[in-house]
N, C-alpha and C. Protein backbone atom coordinates (compact mmCIF):
# COMPACT_ATOMS: atom_id res chain seq x y z
N UNK A 1 -113.35 24.99 -164.88
CA UNK A 1 -113.18 24.90 -166.15
C UNK A 1 -114.61 24.63 -166.93
N UNK A 2 -115.10 25.34 -167.42
CA UNK A 2 -116.73 26.02 -167.68
C UNK A 2 -116.91 24.70 -169.48
N UNK A 3 -118.08 24.28 -169.43
CA UNK A 3 -118.17 23.78 -170.29
C UNK A 3 -119.22 24.35 -171.60
N UNK A 4 -118.85 24.05 -173.03
CA UNK A 4 -120.39 24.87 -173.56
C UNK A 4 -121.23 23.93 -174.06
N UNK A 5 -122.45 25.05 -174.21
CA UNK A 5 -123.65 24.71 -174.07
C UNK A 5 -123.83 24.38 -175.70
N UNK A 6 -123.85 22.96 -175.83
CA UNK A 6 -124.32 22.76 -176.97
C UNK A 6 -125.25 22.96 -178.09
N UNK A 7 -126.40 23.14 -176.71
CA UNK A 7 -127.49 23.42 -177.48
C UNK A 7 -127.68 24.82 -177.67
N UNK A 8 -126.88 25.55 -177.60
CA UNK A 8 -126.79 27.25 -178.30
C UNK A 8 -125.85 26.87 -179.58
N UNK A 9 -125.44 25.67 -180.23
CA UNK A 9 -124.56 25.54 -181.54
C UNK A 9 -125.84 25.52 -182.71
N UNK A 10 -125.90 26.15 -183.82
CA UNK A 10 -126.39 26.38 -184.65
C UNK A 10 -126.98 24.78 -185.10
N UNK A 11 -127.91 24.70 -185.63
CA UNK A 11 -128.64 23.40 -185.81
C UNK A 11 -127.77 22.55 -186.68
N UNK A 12 -127.29 23.64 -187.95
CA UNK A 12 -127.19 22.87 -189.01
C UNK A 12 -125.40 22.38 -188.26
N UNK A 13 -124.49 23.15 -187.45
CA UNK A 13 -123.75 22.30 -186.65
C UNK A 13 -124.00 21.16 -185.83
N UNK A 14 -125.46 20.88 -184.91
CA UNK A 14 -125.28 20.03 -184.38
C UNK A 14 -125.51 18.88 -185.45
N UNK A 15 -126.20 19.18 -186.77
CA UNK A 15 -126.56 17.98 -187.80
C UNK A 15 -124.92 17.50 -187.71
N UNK A 16 -124.32 18.32 -188.39
CA UNK A 16 -123.11 17.52 -189.00
C UNK A 16 -122.10 16.72 -187.94
N UNK A 17 -122.18 17.28 -186.68
CA UNK A 17 -121.58 16.92 -185.26
C UNK A 17 -122.49 14.94 -185.60
N UNK A 18 -123.73 15.17 -185.37
CA UNK A 18 -124.42 13.75 -185.35
C UNK A 18 -123.58 13.35 -186.86
N UNK A 19 -124.11 13.50 -187.46
CA UNK A 19 -123.51 12.92 -188.98
C UNK A 19 -122.29 12.46 -188.81
N UNK A 20 -121.36 13.44 -188.41
CA UNK A 20 -119.96 12.30 -188.41
C UNK A 20 -119.32 11.41 -187.72
N UNK A 21 -120.46 11.80 -186.27
CA UNK A 21 -120.04 10.45 -185.49
C UNK A 21 -120.83 9.04 -185.65
N UNK A 22 -122.13 9.25 -186.73
CA UNK A 22 -123.00 7.90 -187.24
C UNK A 22 -122.24 7.39 -188.22
N UNK A 23 -121.46 8.41 -189.36
CA UNK A 23 -120.46 7.84 -189.94
C UNK A 23 -119.13 7.10 -189.84
N UNK A 24 -118.45 7.82 -188.05
CA UNK A 24 -117.61 6.90 -187.69
C UNK A 24 -118.66 5.27 -187.05
N UNK A 25 -119.26 5.26 -186.79
CA UNK A 25 -119.96 4.08 -186.46
C UNK A 25 -120.27 3.10 -186.97
N UNK A 26 -121.16 3.57 -188.19
CA UNK A 26 -121.42 3.04 -189.23
C UNK A 26 -121.13 1.33 -189.37
N UNK A 27 -122.12 0.55 -189.55
CA UNK A 27 -121.78 -1.12 -189.59
C UNK A 27 -120.84 -1.23 -188.13
N UNK A 28 -120.87 -0.60 -187.17
CA UNK A 28 -120.22 -1.70 -186.38
C UNK A 28 -121.36 -1.58 -185.08
N UNK A 29 -120.69 -2.18 -183.80
CA UNK A 29 -121.97 -2.84 -182.41
C UNK A 29 -121.92 -1.30 -182.24
N UNK A 30 -121.30 -0.23 -182.64
CA UNK A 30 -121.47 0.78 -181.67
C UNK A 30 -122.76 1.74 -182.34
N UNK A 31 -123.22 1.32 -183.67
CA UNK A 31 -124.26 2.35 -184.41
C UNK A 31 -125.21 2.43 -183.87
N UNK A 32 -125.86 3.28 -183.48
CA UNK A 32 -127.19 3.73 -183.00
C UNK A 32 -128.12 3.56 -182.70
N UNK A 33 -128.81 2.71 -181.65
CA UNK A 33 -129.97 1.94 -181.67
C UNK A 33 -131.48 2.97 -181.42
N UNK A 34 -132.50 2.38 -181.57
CA UNK A 34 -133.82 3.23 -181.26
C UNK A 34 -133.83 4.27 -180.56
N UNK A 35 -133.36 4.11 -179.25
CA UNK A 35 -133.34 5.17 -177.96
C UNK A 35 -132.11 6.05 -178.27
N UNK A 36 -131.17 5.59 -179.04
CA UNK A 36 -130.09 6.74 -178.94
C UNK A 36 -130.01 7.44 -180.15
N UNK A 37 -131.11 6.73 -181.19
CA UNK A 37 -131.44 7.28 -182.57
C UNK A 37 -131.89 8.80 -181.81
N UNK A 38 -132.91 8.13 -180.83
CA UNK A 38 -134.37 9.52 -180.62
C UNK A 38 -133.51 10.61 -179.71
N UNK A 39 -132.39 10.22 -179.11
CA UNK A 39 -131.80 11.72 -178.30
C UNK A 39 -130.70 12.05 -179.07
N UNK A 40 -130.30 11.50 -180.18
CA UNK A 40 -129.32 12.45 -181.24
C UNK A 40 -130.12 13.82 -182.22
N UNK A 41 -131.70 12.50 -182.23
CA UNK A 41 -132.74 13.23 -183.18
C UNK A 41 -132.65 14.79 -182.00
N UNK A 42 -133.25 14.75 -180.69
CA UNK A 42 -133.20 15.52 -179.37
C UNK A 42 -132.11 16.83 -179.56
N UNK A 43 -131.13 16.16 -179.80
CA UNK A 43 -130.02 16.85 -179.71
C UNK A 43 -130.06 17.85 -180.93
N UNK A 44 -129.98 17.02 -182.03
CA UNK A 44 -129.67 18.45 -183.23
C UNK A 44 -130.78 19.35 -182.91
N UNK A 45 -132.43 18.88 -182.52
CA UNK A 45 -133.38 20.09 -182.58
C UNK A 45 -132.74 21.07 -181.07
N UNK A 46 -132.08 20.68 -180.43
CA UNK A 46 -131.56 21.32 -179.69
C UNK A 46 -132.70 21.40 -177.78
N UNK A 47 -132.90 20.21 -177.94
CA UNK A 47 -133.95 20.34 -176.90
C UNK A 47 -132.93 19.49 -175.25
N UNK A 48 -131.51 18.95 -175.82
CA UNK A 48 -130.61 18.50 -174.85
C UNK A 48 -129.59 18.97 -175.10
N UNK A 49 -128.68 18.39 -174.26
CA UNK A 49 -127.30 19.04 -174.86
C UNK A 49 -126.29 17.91 -174.30
N UNK A 50 -125.23 17.87 -174.84
CA UNK A 50 -124.53 16.56 -174.92
C UNK A 50 -124.46 15.76 -173.40
N UNK A 51 -124.52 17.09 -172.55
CA UNK A 51 -124.03 16.31 -171.33
C UNK A 51 -125.75 15.63 -170.81
N UNK A 52 -126.74 15.92 -171.02
CA UNK A 52 -128.03 15.62 -170.66
C UNK A 52 -128.39 14.20 -171.37
N UNK A 53 -127.56 14.27 -172.89
CA UNK A 53 -127.46 12.82 -173.62
C UNK A 53 -127.12 12.09 -173.08
N UNK A 54 -125.66 12.15 -172.37
CA UNK A 54 -125.23 11.35 -171.60
C UNK A 54 -125.14 10.80 -170.38
N UNK A 55 -126.05 11.53 -169.43
CA UNK A 55 -127.21 11.52 -168.24
C UNK A 55 -127.62 10.39 -168.56
N UNK A 56 -128.63 10.91 -169.50
CA UNK A 56 -129.67 9.78 -169.89
C UNK A 56 -129.66 8.67 -170.34
N UNK A 57 -128.29 8.42 -171.49
CA UNK A 57 -127.77 7.28 -171.85
C UNK A 57 -127.62 5.97 -170.80
N UNK A 58 -126.62 6.86 -169.83
CA UNK A 58 -126.15 6.13 -168.37
C UNK A 58 -127.46 5.83 -167.63
N UNK A 59 -128.68 6.23 -167.73
CA UNK A 59 -129.86 6.15 -166.89
C UNK A 59 -130.30 4.99 -167.36
N UNK A 60 -130.41 4.85 -169.10
CA UNK A 60 -131.08 3.71 -170.06
C UNK A 60 -130.08 2.78 -169.33
N UNK A 61 -128.83 2.67 -169.71
CA UNK A 61 -128.04 1.52 -169.72
C UNK A 61 -127.86 1.16 -167.89
N UNK A 62 -128.21 1.94 -166.81
CA UNK A 62 -128.62 1.20 -166.03
C UNK A 62 -130.01 0.24 -165.59
N UNK A 63 -130.78 1.05 -165.99
CA UNK A 63 -132.49 0.19 -166.02
C UNK A 63 -132.19 -0.79 -166.95
N UNK A 64 -131.93 -1.27 -167.75
CA UNK A 64 -131.88 -1.96 -168.42
C UNK A 64 -131.02 -2.97 -168.78
N UNK A 65 -130.01 -3.33 -167.75
CA UNK A 65 -128.23 -3.88 -167.78
C UNK A 65 -129.30 -4.95 -167.41
N UNK A 66 -128.83 -6.13 -168.10
CA UNK A 66 -128.87 -7.88 -167.32
C UNK A 66 -128.44 -8.16 -166.15
N UNK A 67 -128.86 -8.84 -165.15
CA UNK A 67 -128.38 -9.47 -164.19
C UNK A 67 -127.81 -10.67 -164.33
N UNK A 68 -126.98 -11.22 -164.30
CA UNK A 68 -126.24 -12.51 -164.15
C UNK A 68 -126.18 -13.00 -162.96
């Protein structure tokens, strides 16, 4: 199964996708924090794909996980 290269979507389409996702999580604990907002902007600008964002978020979460 092949995946779509989301960086090839037009910028306005990527913007609409991000706006919709932000609307869904607005006012909830899932609302994007600063680093996530930065990645979303990079996605809108076509600098990273959804797969790359996912990878970076996983790396960020692992590096910032608190040890109990």
